[in-house]
Protein backbone atom coordinates (compact mmCIF):
# COMPACT_ATOMS: atom_id res chain seq x y z
CA MET A 1 -0.03 0.06 0.02
CA PRO A 2 1.54 3.30 -1.09
CA ALA A 3 1.99 6.11 1.45
CA GLU A 4 -0.42 8.99 1.31
CA SER A 5 1.07 12.47 1.92
CA TYR A 6 -0.60 15.52 3.44
CA LEU A 7 0.25 19.09 4.46
CA GLY A 8 3.26 19.41 2.16
CA ASP A 9 4.54 15.94 3.13
CA SER A 10 4.75 16.82 6.81
CA PHE A 11 2.15 14.12 7.55
CA ARG A 12 2.08 10.69 6.01
CA ILE A 13 -0.22 7.67 6.32
CA ILE A 14 1.79 4.48 5.72
CA TYR A 15 0.71 0.89 6.57
CA ALA A 16 3.27 -0.95 8.63
CA GLU A 17 2.96 -4.13 10.77
CA ASN A 18 5.00 -3.87 13.90
CA GLU A 19 5.90 -7.06 15.78
CA GLY A 20 8.27 -5.21 18.17
CA ALA A 21 7.90 -2.26 20.53
CA PHE A 22 8.40 1.45 19.81
CA LEU A 23 10.26 1.77 16.44
CA SER A 24 10.11 -2.04 16.02
CA LEU A 25 12.57 -2.67 18.95
CA GLY A 26 12.64 -6.26 19.71
CA SER A 27 11.06 -7.37 16.53
CA GLU A 28 13.95 -9.81 15.83
CA LEU A 29 13.51 -11.56 19.11
CA PRO A 30 12.01 -15.09 19.32
CA GLU A 31 8.25 -15.03 19.41
CA ASN A 32 7.99 -16.42 23.08
CA VAL A 33 10.46 -13.74 24.35
CA ARG A 34 8.51 -11.09 22.41
CA PHE A 35 5.26 -12.28 24.09
CA TRP A 36 6.75 -11.93 27.54
CA LEU A 37 8.50 -8.63 26.96
CA LEU A 38 5.71 -6.98 24.90
CA ALA A 39 2.51 -8.44 26.34
CA ILE A 40 2.93 -9.98 29.87
CA ILE A 41 5.27 -7.41 31.39
CA PRO A 42 3.24 -4.49 29.97
CA ILE A 43 0.10 -6.05 31.37
CA LEU A 44 1.62 -6.12 34.80
CA ALA A 45 2.69 -2.54 34.38
CA LEU A 46 -0.81 -1.47 33.30
CA GLY A 47 -2.25 -3.41 36.21
CA TYR A 48 -0.03 -1.31 38.59
CA PHE A 49 -1.27 1.91 36.83
CA GLY A 50 -4.84 0.73 37.00
CA PHE A 51 -4.53 -0.12 40.74
CA THR A 52 -2.91 3.22 41.39
CA LEU A 53 -5.59 5.04 39.35
CA PHE A 54 -8.50 3.55 41.29
CA PHE A 55 -7.30 2.83 44.75
CA ASN A 56 -4.58 5.33 45.60
CA THR A 57 -6.30 8.36 47.13
CA THR A 58 -3.08 10.57 46.99
CA VAL A 59 -3.00 10.54 43.20
CA GLY A 60 -3.84 13.96 41.82
CA GLN A 61 -6.16 14.76 38.88
CA TRP A 62 -3.31 15.24 36.31
CA GLN A 63 -1.74 11.95 37.40
CA ARG A 64 -5.10 10.20 36.96
CA ILE A 65 -5.47 11.71 33.47
CA ALA A 66 -1.87 10.57 32.59
CA PHE A 67 -2.47 6.97 33.90
CA ALA A 68 -5.69 6.88 31.88
CA PHE A 69 -3.83 7.76 28.67
CA ILE A 70 -1.13 5.19 29.40
CA ILE A 71 -3.63 2.48 30.24
CA SER A 72 -5.82 3.09 27.22
CA GLY A 73 -2.95 3.28 24.71
CA GLY A 74 -1.11 0.37 26.28
CA GLY A 75 -4.16 -1.69 26.58
CA SER A 76 -5.05 -1.19 22.93
CA ASN A 77 -1.51 -2.14 21.84
CA ILE A 78 -1.56 -5.23 24.13
CA ILE A 79 -4.89 -6.48 22.81
CA ASP A 80 -3.57 -6.18 19.18
CA ARG A 81 -0.36 -7.96 20.20
CA ILE A 82 -2.06 -10.84 21.97
CA LEU A 83 -4.88 -11.35 19.23
CA GLU A 84 -2.82 -10.57 16.14
CA GLY A 85 0.84 -10.94 17.20
CA LYS A 86 1.52 -7.54 15.89
CA VAL A 87 0.42 -3.85 16.05
CA VAL A 88 -0.51 -1.89 12.99
CA ASP A 89 1.28 1.40 12.84
CA PHE A 90 0.25 3.93 10.20
CA LEU A 91 1.23 7.47 11.04
CA ASN A 92 4.45 9.40 10.21
CA ILE A 93 5.31 13.04 10.73
CA GLY A 94 8.31 15.13 9.76
CA ILE A 95 9.83 17.92 7.74
CA GLY A 96 11.97 17.00 4.72
CA GLU A 97 14.38 14.22 5.68
CA LEU A 98 13.76 14.70 9.44
CA ARG A 99 10.97 12.13 10.12
CA SER A 100 9.53 10.31 13.02
CA GLY A 101 9.17 6.54 13.18
CA ILE A 102 5.83 5.01 12.13
CA PHE A 103 3.35 4.96 15.02
CA ASN A 104 -0.41 4.74 15.83
CA ILE A 105 -3.04 6.45 17.92
CA ALA A 106 -2.36 4.15 20.94
CA ASP A 107 1.25 5.21 20.85
CA MET A 108 0.10 8.83 20.87
CA ALA A 109 -1.94 8.19 23.98
CA ILE A 110 1.02 6.46 25.75
CA MET A 111 3.25 9.39 24.98
CA ALA A 112 0.65 11.91 25.98
CA GLY A 113 0.43 10.16 29.40
CA LEU A 114 4.19 10.07 29.71
CA PHE A 115 4.56 13.77 28.83
CA LEU A 116 1.86 14.61 31.48
CA ILE A 117 3.50 12.50 34.16
CA LEU A 118 7.17 13.49 33.45
CA PRO A 119 6.97 16.95 35.13
CA MET A 120 5.44 15.28 38.15
CA ALA A 121 8.42 12.87 38.46
CA PHE A 122 10.65 15.88 39.20
CA LYS A 123 8.22 17.70 41.49
CA SER A 124 8.96 17.79 45.19
CA SER A 125 6.40 15.66 47.08
CA ALA A 126 6.65 17.85 50.12
CA PRO A 127 4.34 20.88 49.92
CA LYS A 128 6.20 24.22 50.28
CA LYS A 129 5.14 26.37 53.18
CA GLU A 130 5.04 30.09 53.03
CA GLU A 131 8.07 31.29 54.86
CA ASN A 132 6.93 33.43 57.71
CA PRO A 133 9.20 33.34 60.84
CA ALA A 134 6.48 34.66 63.03
CA ASN A 135 4.30 31.60 62.37
CA ASP A 136 7.04 29.07 62.46
CA ALA A 137 7.15 28.79 66.26
CA ASP A 138 3.37 28.18 66.48
CA GLU A 139 3.14 25.79 63.54
CA ASP A 140 6.23 23.62 63.96
CA ILE A 141 6.26 22.90 67.66
CA HIS A 142 3.48 20.71 68.99
CA LEU A 143 3.97 19.83 72.69
CA PRO A 144 1.34 17.77 74.41
CA GLU A 145 -0.67 19.59 76.99
CA ILE A 146 0.22 18.50 80.55
CA GLU A 147 -2.57 18.85 83.05
CA PRO A 148 -1.43 19.97 86.55
CA GLU A 149 -1.86 17.53 89.39
CA PRO A 150 -4.70 18.32 91.72
CA PRO A 151 -3.79 19.65 95.21
CA VAL A 152 -3.28 16.96 97.81
CA THR A 153 -5.57 17.31 100.97
CA GLU A 154 -4.40 16.75 104.55
CA ALA A 155 -6.34 13.59 104.74
CA GLU A 156 -4.60 12.21 101.67
CA LYS A 157 -1.18 13.19 103.14
CA GLU A 158 -1.93 11.30 106.33
CA ASP A 159 -3.22 8.17 104.46
CA LYS A 160 0.04 8.19 102.45
CA ASP A 161 2.21 8.57 105.55
CA ARG A 162 0.43 5.59 107.23
CA ALA A 163 0.89 3.46 104.07
CA GLU A 164 4.70 3.98 104.05
């Protein structure tokens, strides 16, 4: 099938069967090794993302969106890989001789999720406090309150002396 070119050849639609991973990496590996590397391990990774997406209450909105993109794109590629043994790639972008590899919509979803999550990987997990020395003493030191002992009556003192 010949490639179709659009927008001054900056966008091409080309049919390609991909038995490997991104840019056909691993396509030369034996079939059983490819199955484990490109289906089973990604299923475990997507399971982790799914578990985190649904059960981790500390995950923020943008992380949830990123995980949803990764799960949807990865799941789509895994289904194709398990049912067909390959993924169909068909998109290519570039300018002149500078071109991308051939990819599909699922790959775009995975990359969108990774681009969303990448800045979060370098973000500090501890929230920054507004620096105000006047408030530091009140906010940082939390001592337990100690209740004073009630006064001892004369009768209690005499009972204590007799017990000793």
